[in-house]
Amino acid sequence: MPRKIEDVWRKLRDGNVVLKQRKGSSYWQAHLKVRGEWIRLSTGHTDIRLAGQWATDQYDDMMYRVRHNQVPRTKLVRDACEQYRMDLDAANPPLASADEYRTTMKKWIEPHLGGKKLDELGPQDIIGWNAWKTAQHGKPFSKSTITSHNACLSNVFKTAVRHGWMNEWQVPKLTNEAPAGTRRPDFEEDEITPLLVKMWESIPEGRKQRTRDIRQLLYYYVCALLLTGARPGKELDNLRWRHVDINWQHGGASYVKLTITAGKTIKYSKVRQRVITAPASVAAPPFKALMAWQGPDRTEDDFVFRLPDGSKIGNPQHSFETVLDNIGLLWSRGDPPMRRSLYSLRHTYATTQVVHGTMTLLELATHMGTSVAMLESNYAHLGPLSIAPKAAANAVLVSPHIAAGAFGTGLPHDTTKKRARPSTPEQSSTPPKPLSQMLAEAEEE
């Protein structure tokens, strides 16, 4: 009995290409055995001859790639992005940067690189991608933003390697040649009072009720930033009244205690919350006024920084810059002047603490949810201002020597002549005073 034509075409290339039909479908599927693994593809054909020709072409192409140290089959960058999204969705616990990476892929990776084959990417593609991003953005990205974009694309490439869509040696190098970020401008000490006074006086000048409400809420927001050093944005925007204690007692003193449950510190560390405190004598009045302004219907689950109607400020950064521009404080006094933002208030808090505060850098870093290294890199220039008063204590060690006239008229010794060694005086039986006693006596004087 002659063999059916289907039997001849069902197995090709010594059995490494097998054609099958799924139940209820007239289309042929190709099963290709490459490097000991079966790869299943849809041929898109109902005619077995055309399906066989297509399948053998695919197999021959894959084997050629294998012989030349390439992956058997490749996919597009957008396919790897989609797989990485699925990996992010399935991650447990979820990745802290998941939302940020999803946005990066959708906005900055797929539009330009999405249609390119993974194993054909080269340095010129990455250079073109960076140029395209800058053109789309309208200005160069900061170094930290480029680092974030590169981290996301690197994870996409790792996903592609893990699924066999590209080899490790085919992953293009990602560089970041952007200049290091500059320290944000702060407010000078003599600008704080004018800032708060002018912000308060500008509230009734708003033409609309909502404008006046936004300015009033922004005033309380600025007060909170100056008093606590919290980060503007998620840290305060997600603060609810149950996270605020305006009469927290500790060590016989009253404080306002804020429990931060969102933001950068919570996102990137294992700490589930961070506590910020400020003296109740100064910090409680703004929060009490905010409570009264929001009305008696306020609940513990309501957001702290919301308008009386329950809504939030759409863009507090823009609103703050508008107010600063109106009162003439948008630009710093430095050379060159720098544009201030809400983050300048956090920088102002840190600057004041370094210069006048009593916290160590480790304590300040814990309080502000940052690192000692970050404080040192941004505020090391303030060291002499903060150290000078404390260094004066060591002068007590030398003062008795100076008081005894050791330096005489202040002229140096005549070193051209040798002076006869004086007779050794008898040692005093009185023991030297300890440093603590000398410091105490100096304070009493």
Protein backbone atom coordinates (compact mmCIF):
# COMPACT_ATOMS: atom_id res chain seq x y z
CA MET A 1 0.00 0.00 0.00
CA PRO A 2 1.57 3.33 -1.06
CA ARG A 3 2.38 5.83 1.68
CA LYS A 4 0.20 8.92 1.93
CA ILE A 5 1.84 12.20 0.97
CA GLU A 6 1.23 13.45 4.51
CA ASP A 7 3.37 10.65 5.91
CA VAL A 8 6.35 11.70 3.78
CA TRP A 9 6.16 15.34 4.93
CA ARG A 10 5.37 14.72 8.57
CA LYS A 11 9.02 14.01 9.51
CA LEU A 12 11.88 15.84 7.85
CA ARG A 13 15.59 16.45 8.43
CA ASP A 14 16.17 13.01 9.96
CA GLY A 15 13.25 13.46 12.33
CA ASN A 16 14.39 16.82 13.67
CA VAL A 17 11.47 18.57 11.96
CA VAL A 18 8.02 17.17 12.76
CA LEU A 19 4.71 18.53 11.48
CA LYS A 20 1.56 18.12 13.54
CA GLN A 21 -2.01 19.38 13.45
CA ARG A 22 -3.84 20.38 16.60
CA LYS A 23 -7.29 18.94 17.10
CA GLY A 24 -9.89 21.11 15.42
CA SER A 25 -7.33 23.12 13.40
CA SER A 26 -6.41 22.83 9.74
CA TYR A 27 -3.07 24.63 10.20
CA TRP A 28 0.16 22.71 10.56
CA GLN A 29 2.53 23.24 13.48
CA ALA A 30 6.27 22.67 13.20
CA HIS A 31 8.24 21.02 16.02
CA LEU A 32 11.98 21.65 15.54
CA LYS A 33 14.65 19.86 17.57
CA VAL A 34 17.60 22.21 18.08
CA ARG A 35 20.42 21.63 20.59
CA GLY A 36 18.38 18.81 22.17
CA GLU A 37 15.31 20.99 22.78
CA TRP A 38 12.04 21.06 20.89
CA ILE A 39 10.88 24.42 19.57
CA ARG A 40 7.25 24.69 18.50
CA LEU A 41 6.21 27.17 15.82
CA SER A 42 3.06 27.80 13.83
CA THR A 43 3.70 27.49 10.08
CA GLY A 44 0.65 29.50 9.06
CA HIS A 45 -0.08 27.00 6.28
CA THR A 46 -2.84 24.45 5.76
CA ASP A 47 -1.00 22.79 2.85
CA ILE A 48 1.47 20.26 4.25
CA ARG A 49 4.00 20.82 1.43
CA LEU A 50 4.18 24.58 2.06
CA ALA A 51 4.27 23.95 5.82
CA GLY A 52 7.15 21.49 5.37
CA GLN A 53 9.15 23.89 3.21
CA TRP A 54 8.65 26.71 5.73
CA ALA A 55 9.60 24.46 8.67
CA THR A 56 12.81 23.18 7.03
CA ASP A 57 13.83 26.73 6.16
CA GLN A 58 13.38 27.72 9.79
CA TYR A 59 15.33 24.68 10.97
CA ASP A 60 18.21 25.30 8.55
CA ASP A 61 18.39 28.94 9.62
CA MET A 62 18.48 27.97 13.31
CA MET A 63 21.21 25.39 12.75
CA TYR A 64 23.27 27.94 10.84
CA ARG A 65 22.97 30.32 13.79
CA VAL A 66 23.97 27.57 16.22
CA ARG A 67 27.07 26.72 14.18
CA HIS A 68 28.08 30.38 14.34
CA ASN A 69 27.66 30.62 18.13
CA GLN A 70 24.33 32.43 18.02
CA VAL A 71 21.02 31.67 19.67
CA PRO A 72 18.80 29.44 17.50
CA ARG A 73 16.05 32.05 17.28
CA THR A 74 15.77 35.63 18.37
CA LYS A 75 12.96 37.96 19.25
CA LEU A 76 12.38 41.68 19.27
CA VAL A 77 13.15 44.02 22.12
CA ARG A 78 9.44 44.56 22.69
CA ASP A 79 9.01 40.80 23.21
CA ALA A 80 11.65 40.85 25.93
CA CYS A 81 9.96 43.90 27.50
CA GLU A 82 6.65 42.08 27.57
CA GLN A 83 8.26 39.05 29.20
CA TYR A 84 9.98 41.28 31.77
CA ARG A 85 6.60 42.87 32.59
CA MET A 86 5.21 39.41 33.26
CA ASP A 87 8.21 38.67 35.50
CA LEU A 88 7.60 41.91 37.43
CA ASP A 89 3.93 41.03 37.87
CA ALA A 90 4.81 37.58 39.21
CA ALA A 91 7.60 38.73 41.53
CA ASN A 92 6.99 38.07 45.23
CA PRO A 93 7.84 40.23 47.05
CA PRO A 94 7.31 42.85 44.34
CA LEU A 95 10.33 44.74 43.07
CA ALA A 96 10.55 48.22 44.56
CA SER A 97 11.19 49.81 41.16
CA ALA A 98 8.53 47.81 39.28
CA ASP A 99 6.23 50.75 38.47
CA GLU A 100 9.16 52.92 37.48
CA TYR A 101 10.51 50.21 35.15
CA ARG A 102 7.10 49.66 33.54
CA THR A 103 6.91 53.36 32.74
CA THR A 104 10.48 53.37 31.42
CA MET A 105 9.79 50.48 29.05
CA LYS A 106 6.56 51.99 27.76
CA LYS A 107 7.85 55.55 27.33
CA TRP A 108 11.60 55.31 26.73
CA ILE A 109 12.53 51.82 25.46
CA GLU A 110 9.80 50.32 23.29
CA PRO A 111 9.06 53.38 21.08
CA HIS A 112 12.64 53.43 19.74
CA LEU A 113 14.13 49.98 20.34
CA GLY A 114 10.99 47.84 20.41
CA GLY A 115 11.11 46.76 16.77
CA LYS A 116 14.80 45.82 16.73
CA LYS A 117 16.04 42.22 16.93
CA LEU A 118 17.73 41.46 20.22
CA ASP A 119 20.73 39.66 18.78
CA GLU A 120 21.41 42.39 16.22
CA LEU A 121 21.71 45.30 18.64
CA GLY A 122 25.03 47.12 18.59
CA PRO A 123 26.74 50.19 20.05
CA GLN A 124 25.26 52.44 17.36
CA ASP A 125 21.75 51.40 18.37
CA ILE A 126 22.43 52.44 21.98
CA ILE A 127 23.97 55.75 20.86
CA GLY A 128 20.92 56.40 18.68
CA TRP A 129 18.61 55.48 21.55
CA ASN A 130 20.27 57.96 23.90
CA ALA A 131 20.13 60.71 21.26
CA TRP A 132 16.45 59.98 20.62
CA LYS A 133 15.64 60.16 24.34
CA THR A 134 17.35 63.53 24.69
CA ALA A 135 15.46 64.88 21.67
CA GLN A 136 12.15 63.62 23.04
CA HIS A 137 12.86 65.04 26.49
CA GLY A 138 13.96 68.41 25.15
CA LYS A 139 17.04 68.53 27.37
CA PRO A 140 19.71 66.13 28.66
CA PHE A 141 18.67 63.69 31.36
CA SER A 142 20.29 63.77 34.77
CA LYS A 143 22.89 61.14 35.60
CA SER A 144 20.54 59.39 38.05
CA THR A 145 17.75 59.16 35.44
CA ILE A 146 20.09 57.67 32.83
CA THR A 147 21.27 55.17 35.45
CA SER A 148 17.64 54.16 36.05
CA HIS A 149 16.96 53.79 32.30
CA ASN A 150 20.10 51.69 31.84
CA ALA A 151 19.17 49.47 34.79
CA CYS A 152 15.75 48.79 33.27
CA LEU A 153 17.14 48.00 29.81
CA SER A 154 19.82 45.80 31.38
CA ASN A 155 17.10 43.78 33.11
CA VAL A 156 15.30 43.42 29.76
CA PHE A 157 18.50 42.03 28.24
CA LYS A 158 18.97 39.64 31.17
CA THR A 159 15.45 38.38 30.58
CA ALA A 160 16.25 37.82 26.90
CA VAL A 161 19.43 35.89 27.78
CA ARG A 162 17.56 33.76 30.30
CA HIS A 163 14.99 32.77 27.66
CA GLY A 164 17.61 32.05 25.00
CA TRP A 165 16.77 35.00 22.75
CA MET A 166 20.32 36.40 22.82
CA ASN A 167 23.74 35.38 24.12
CA GLU A 168 25.49 37.20 26.93
CA TRP A 169 28.24 38.35 24.59
CA GLN A 170 25.62 39.97 22.37
CA VAL A 171 24.38 42.31 25.12
CA PRO A 172 25.48 45.84 24.18
CA LYS A 173 27.36 47.93 26.74
CA LEU A 174 25.33 50.66 28.41
CA THR A 175 27.22 53.78 29.43
CA ASN A 176 26.37 56.91 31.39
CA GLU A 177 28.49 59.94 30.49
CA ALA A 178 26.18 62.55 31.99
CA PRO A 179 27.83 64.95 34.44
CA ALA A 180 27.28 64.27 38.13
CA GLY A 181 24.29 66.04 39.62
CA THR A 182 24.80 69.33 41.40
CA ARG A 183 23.74 70.07 44.94
CA ARG A 184 20.28 71.58 45.11
CA PRO A 185 20.00 75.21 46.24
CA ASP A 186 18.73 75.93 49.72
CA PHE A 187 17.19 78.98 51.36
CA GLU A 188 19.46 81.26 53.35
CA GLU A 189 18.62 81.62 57.04
CA ASP A 190 17.46 85.22 56.57
CA GLU A 191 15.11 84.14 53.76
CA ILE A 192 12.97 81.73 55.78
CA THR A 193 10.88 84.34 57.61
CA PRO A 194 10.23 86.41 54.45
CA LEU A 195 9.31 83.19 52.62
CA LEU A 196 6.68 82.18 55.18
CA VAL A 197 5.35 85.73 55.68
CA LYS A 198 5.00 86.41 51.97
CA MET A 199 3.41 83.01 51.34
CA TRP A 200 0.85 83.71 54.08
CA GLU A 201 0.13 87.22 52.79
CA SER A 202 -0.32 85.96 49.21
CA ILE A 203 -3.14 83.56 50.17
CA PRO A 204 -6.05 86.09 50.08
CA GLU A 205 -4.70 87.60 46.85
CA GLY A 206 -5.80 84.60 44.79
CA ARG A 207 -8.59 85.39 42.33
CA LYS A 208 -10.44 82.08 42.75
CA GLN A 209 -11.44 80.14 45.85
CA ARG A 210 -9.49 77.08 44.72
CA THR A 211 -6.37 79.19 44.13
CA ARG A 212 -6.61 80.56 47.66
CA ASP A 213 -7.16 77.05 49.06
CA ILE A 214 -4.14 75.69 47.17
CA ARG A 215 -1.94 78.50 48.48
CA GLN A 216 -3.08 77.88 52.04
CA LEU A 217 -2.46 74.14 51.84
CA LEU A 218 0.91 74.81 50.22
CA TYR A 219 1.80 77.07 53.16
CA TYR A 220 1.20 74.22 55.64
CA TYR A 221 3.10 71.85 53.33
CA VAL A 222 6.13 74.16 53.31
CA CYS A 223 6.01 74.50 57.11
CA ALA A 224 6.06 70.70 57.46
CA LEU A 225 9.05 70.37 55.15
CA LEU A 226 11.03 73.04 56.99
CA LEU A 227 10.23 71.52 60.40
CA THR A 228 10.87 67.85 59.56
CA GLY A 229 13.22 67.62 56.58
CA ALA A 230 10.88 65.08 54.96
CA ARG A 231 11.02 64.49 51.22
CA PRO A 232 8.40 66.36 49.20
CA GLY A 233 6.27 64.04 47.16
CA LYS A 234 5.37 60.53 48.23
CA GLU A 235 6.55 60.85 51.84
CA LEU A 236 4.16 63.68 52.67
CA ASP A 237 1.56 63.09 49.95
CA ASN A 238 0.77 59.63 51.41
CA LEU A 239 0.74 60.84 55.02
CA ARG A 240 -2.63 60.25 56.72
CA TRP A 241 -3.85 61.71 59.99
CA ARG A 242 -3.43 58.36 61.73
CA HIS A 243 0.30 58.75 61.04
CA VAL A 244 0.45 62.07 62.92
CA ASP A 245 0.74 62.49 66.70
CA ILE A 246 0.89 66.17 67.64
CA ASN A 247 1.48 65.50 71.34
CA TRP A 248 3.93 62.62 71.49
CA GLN A 249 5.68 62.51 74.86
CA HIS A 250 9.30 61.43 75.10
CA GLY A 251 11.89 62.17 77.76
CA GLY A 252 9.63 64.67 79.49
CA ALA A 253 9.19 66.76 76.31
CA SER A 254 6.40 67.04 73.72
CA TYR A 255 6.96 66.40 70.03
CA VAL A 256 5.04 66.12 66.79
CA LYS A 257 5.68 62.62 65.46
CA LEU A 258 5.19 61.70 61.81
CA THR A 259 5.29 58.05 60.75
CA ILE A 260 6.42 57.86 57.12
CA THR A 261 5.12 54.75 55.33
CA ALA A 262 5.91 55.58 51.69
CA GLY A 263 8.66 57.14 49.65
CA LYS A 264 12.27 56.48 48.72
CA THR A 265 13.49 55.12 52.06
CA ILE A 266 10.61 52.65 52.37
CA LYS A 267 10.92 51.71 48.70
CA TYR A 268 14.61 50.79 48.66
CA SER A 269 15.16 49.45 52.18
CA LYS A 270 13.72 46.75 54.38
CA VAL A 271 12.41 49.37 56.81
CA ARG A 272 8.62 49.42 56.70
CA GLN A 273 8.32 52.89 58.22
CA ARG A 274 10.38 55.83 59.42
CA VAL A 275 9.63 58.19 62.30
CA ILE A 276 10.29 61.91 62.06
CA THR A 277 9.93 64.20 65.07
CA ALA A 278 9.90 67.95 65.65
CA PRO A 279 9.39 70.00 68.86
CA ALA A 280 5.66 70.34 69.50
CA SER A 281 6.05 73.97 70.60
CA VAL A 282 6.82 74.96 67.01
CA ALA A 283 5.50 72.08 64.89
CA ALA A 284 2.09 71.52 66.53
CA PRO A 285 0.45 74.91 65.66
CA PRO A 286 0.62 74.41 61.85
CA PHE A 287 -0.87 70.91 62.11
CA LYS A 288 -3.62 72.10 64.50
CA ALA A 289 -4.47 74.95 62.12
CA LEU A 290 -4.59 72.48 59.22
CA MET A 291 -6.96 70.24 61.19
CA ALA A 292 -9.30 73.15 61.93
CA TRP A 293 -9.21 74.35 58.32
CA GLN A 294 -10.15 70.92 56.94
CA GLY A 295 -13.24 70.84 59.15
CA PRO A 296 -14.90 68.51 61.65
CA ASP A 297 -15.56 65.79 59.07
CA ARG A 298 -11.86 64.92 58.95
CA THR A 299 -11.11 61.26 59.73
CA GLU A 300 -7.99 59.34 60.69
CA ASP A 301 -7.85 57.78 57.23
CA ASP A 302 -7.90 61.11 55.38
CA PHE A 303 -4.74 62.40 53.79
CA VAL A 304 -3.09 65.17 55.80
CA PHE A 305 -2.26 67.43 52.89
CA ARG A 306 -5.59 67.73 51.13
CA LEU A 307 -7.98 70.56 50.42
CA PRO A 308 -11.20 70.96 52.45
CA ASP A 309 -13.17 69.31 49.62
CA GLY A 310 -10.97 66.20 49.93
CA SER A 311 -8.93 66.73 46.74
CA LYS A 312 -5.16 67.10 46.49
CA ILE A 313 -2.99 69.67 44.78
CA GLY A 314 -2.37 68.39 41.27
CA ASN A 315 1.22 69.61 41.01
CA PRO A 316 2.52 71.13 44.27
CA GLN A 317 5.94 71.67 42.70
CA HIS A 318 4.50 73.91 40.00
CA SER A 319 2.33 75.76 42.51
CA PHE A 320 5.32 76.34 44.80
CA GLU A 321 7.50 77.66 41.99
CA THR A 322 4.71 80.03 40.95
CA VAL A 323 4.50 81.39 44.49
CA LEU A 324 8.30 81.74 44.72
CA ASP A 325 8.37 83.62 41.43
CA ASN A 326 5.64 85.98 42.66
CA ILE A 327 7.51 86.81 45.89
CA GLY A 328 10.97 87.02 44.30
CA LEU A 329 12.56 83.94 45.90
CA LEU A 330 12.59 81.51 42.97
CA TRP A 331 16.35 81.89 42.34
CA SER A 332 19.10 81.36 44.88
CA ARG A 333 21.77 83.93 45.68
CA GLY A 334 24.59 81.70 44.50
CA ASP A 335 26.81 82.23 41.49
CA PRO A 336 25.33 81.17 39.20
CA PRO A 337 21.81 81.46 40.64
CA MET A 338 19.94 78.14 40.79
CA ARG A 339 16.22 77.56 40.47
CA ARG A 340 14.67 76.51 43.76
CA SER A 341 12.09 73.79 44.23
CA LEU A 342 10.23 72.06 47.04
CA TYR A 343 13.30 69.87 47.55
CA SER A 344 15.24 73.03 48.47
CA LEU A 345 13.30 73.02 51.76
CA ARG A 346 14.70 69.57 52.65
CA HIS A 347 18.14 70.82 51.71
CA THR A 348 17.58 73.86 53.94
CA TYR A 349 16.68 71.57 56.85
CA ALA A 350 19.84 69.50 56.39
CA THR A 351 22.03 72.59 56.04
CA THR A 352 20.64 74.10 59.25
CA GLN A 353 21.11 70.86 61.16
CA VAL A 354 24.71 70.43 60.00
CA VAL A 355 25.63 73.99 60.94
CA HIS A 356 23.62 74.50 64.14
CA GLY A 357 22.20 71.11 65.13
CA THR A 358 23.45 68.72 67.78
CA MET A 359 22.80 65.48 65.86
CA THR A 360 25.71 63.44 64.56
CA LEU A 361 25.76 62.71 60.83
CA LEU A 362 24.61 59.16 61.58
CA GLU A 363 21.65 60.44 63.61
CA LEU A 364 20.79 63.02 60.96
CA ALA A 365 21.01 60.39 58.21
CA THR A 366 18.63 58.12 60.13
CA HIS A 367 16.24 61.01 60.78
CA MET A 368 16.16 62.09 57.14
CA GLY A 369 16.12 58.61 55.65
CA THR A 370 19.41 58.92 53.78
CA SER A 371 23.02 57.80 54.21
CA VAL A 372 26.02 59.33 55.94
CA ALA A 373 27.89 59.15 52.63
CA MET A 374 25.17 61.21 50.96
CA LEU A 375 25.30 63.82 53.71
CA GLU A 376 29.08 63.98 53.51
CA SER A 377 29.05 64.41 49.73
CA ASN A 378 26.47 67.21 49.84
CA TYR A 379 27.29 69.05 53.05
CA ALA A 380 31.02 68.56 53.64
CA HIS A 381 31.58 72.21 52.64
CA LEU A 382 29.65 73.24 55.77
CA GLY A 383 32.06 71.40 58.08
CA PRO A 384 34.11 74.41 59.22
CA LEU A 385 30.95 76.32 60.17
CA SER A 386 29.69 73.53 62.40
CA ILE A 387 33.05 72.45 63.79
CA ALA A 388 34.33 75.88 64.82
CA PRO A 389 32.27 76.26 68.03
CA LYS A 390 33.03 72.69 69.13
CA ALA A 391 36.74 72.93 68.31
CA ALA A 392 37.08 75.88 70.71
CA ALA A 393 36.96 73.44 73.63
CA ASN A 394 40.41 72.11 72.77
CA ALA A 395 41.86 75.59 73.25
CA VAL A 396 41.49 75.04 77.00
CA LEU A 397 44.34 72.53 76.82
CA VAL A 398 46.74 75.13 75.53
CA SER A 399 45.46 78.21 77.36
CA PRO A 400 47.48 77.64 80.60
CA HIS A 401 50.65 77.47 78.54
CA ILE A 402 49.79 80.76 76.83
CA ALA A 403 48.73 82.39 80.09
CA ALA A 404 52.13 81.55 81.60
CA GLY A 405 53.79 83.77 78.99
CA ALA A 406 55.36 80.94 77.02
CA PHE A 407 55.37 83.01 73.84
CA GLY A 408 56.44 86.27 75.53
CA THR A 409 56.10 89.13 73.11
CA GLY A 410 55.19 86.80 70.31
CA LEU A 411 58.64 86.98 68.72
CA PRO A 412 60.37 83.72 67.83
CA HIS A 413 63.43 82.50 69.67
CA ASP A 414 66.86 83.51 68.42
CA THR A 415 67.99 80.13 67.13
CA THR A 416 71.48 81.36 66.14
CA LYS A 417 72.70 81.18 69.72
CA LYS A 418 72.62 78.30 72.11
CA ARG A 419 71.14 79.09 75.44
CA ALA A 420 72.41 77.45 78.60
CA ARG A 421 70.12 74.70 79.85
CA PRO A 422 68.39 75.96 83.01
CA SER A 423 68.48 73.92 86.15
CA THR A 424 65.68 71.40 86.37
CA PRO A 425 62.97 72.71 88.70
CA GLU A 426 61.50 70.51 91.34
CA GLN A 427 58.43 68.60 90.22
CA SER A 428 55.16 69.80 91.72
CA SER A 429 53.40 67.32 93.91
CA THR A 430 50.01 68.63 92.74
CA PRO A 431 48.52 66.30 90.07
CA PRO A 432 47.37 67.94 86.83
CA LYS A 433 43.68 68.79 86.50
CA PRO A 434 41.59 66.54 84.28
CA LEU A 435 40.22 68.01 81.01
CA SER A 436 36.61 67.84 82.20
CA GLN A 437 37.46 70.01 85.24
CA MET A 438 39.38 72.51 83.11
CA LEU A 439 36.41 72.80 80.71
CA ALA A 440 33.99 73.31 83.59
CA GLU A 441 36.17 76.05 85.13
CA ALA A 442 36.46 77.76 81.74
CA GLU A 443 32.66 77.86 81.37
CA GLU A 444 32.26 79.37 84.84
CA GLU A 445 34.67 82.17 83.97
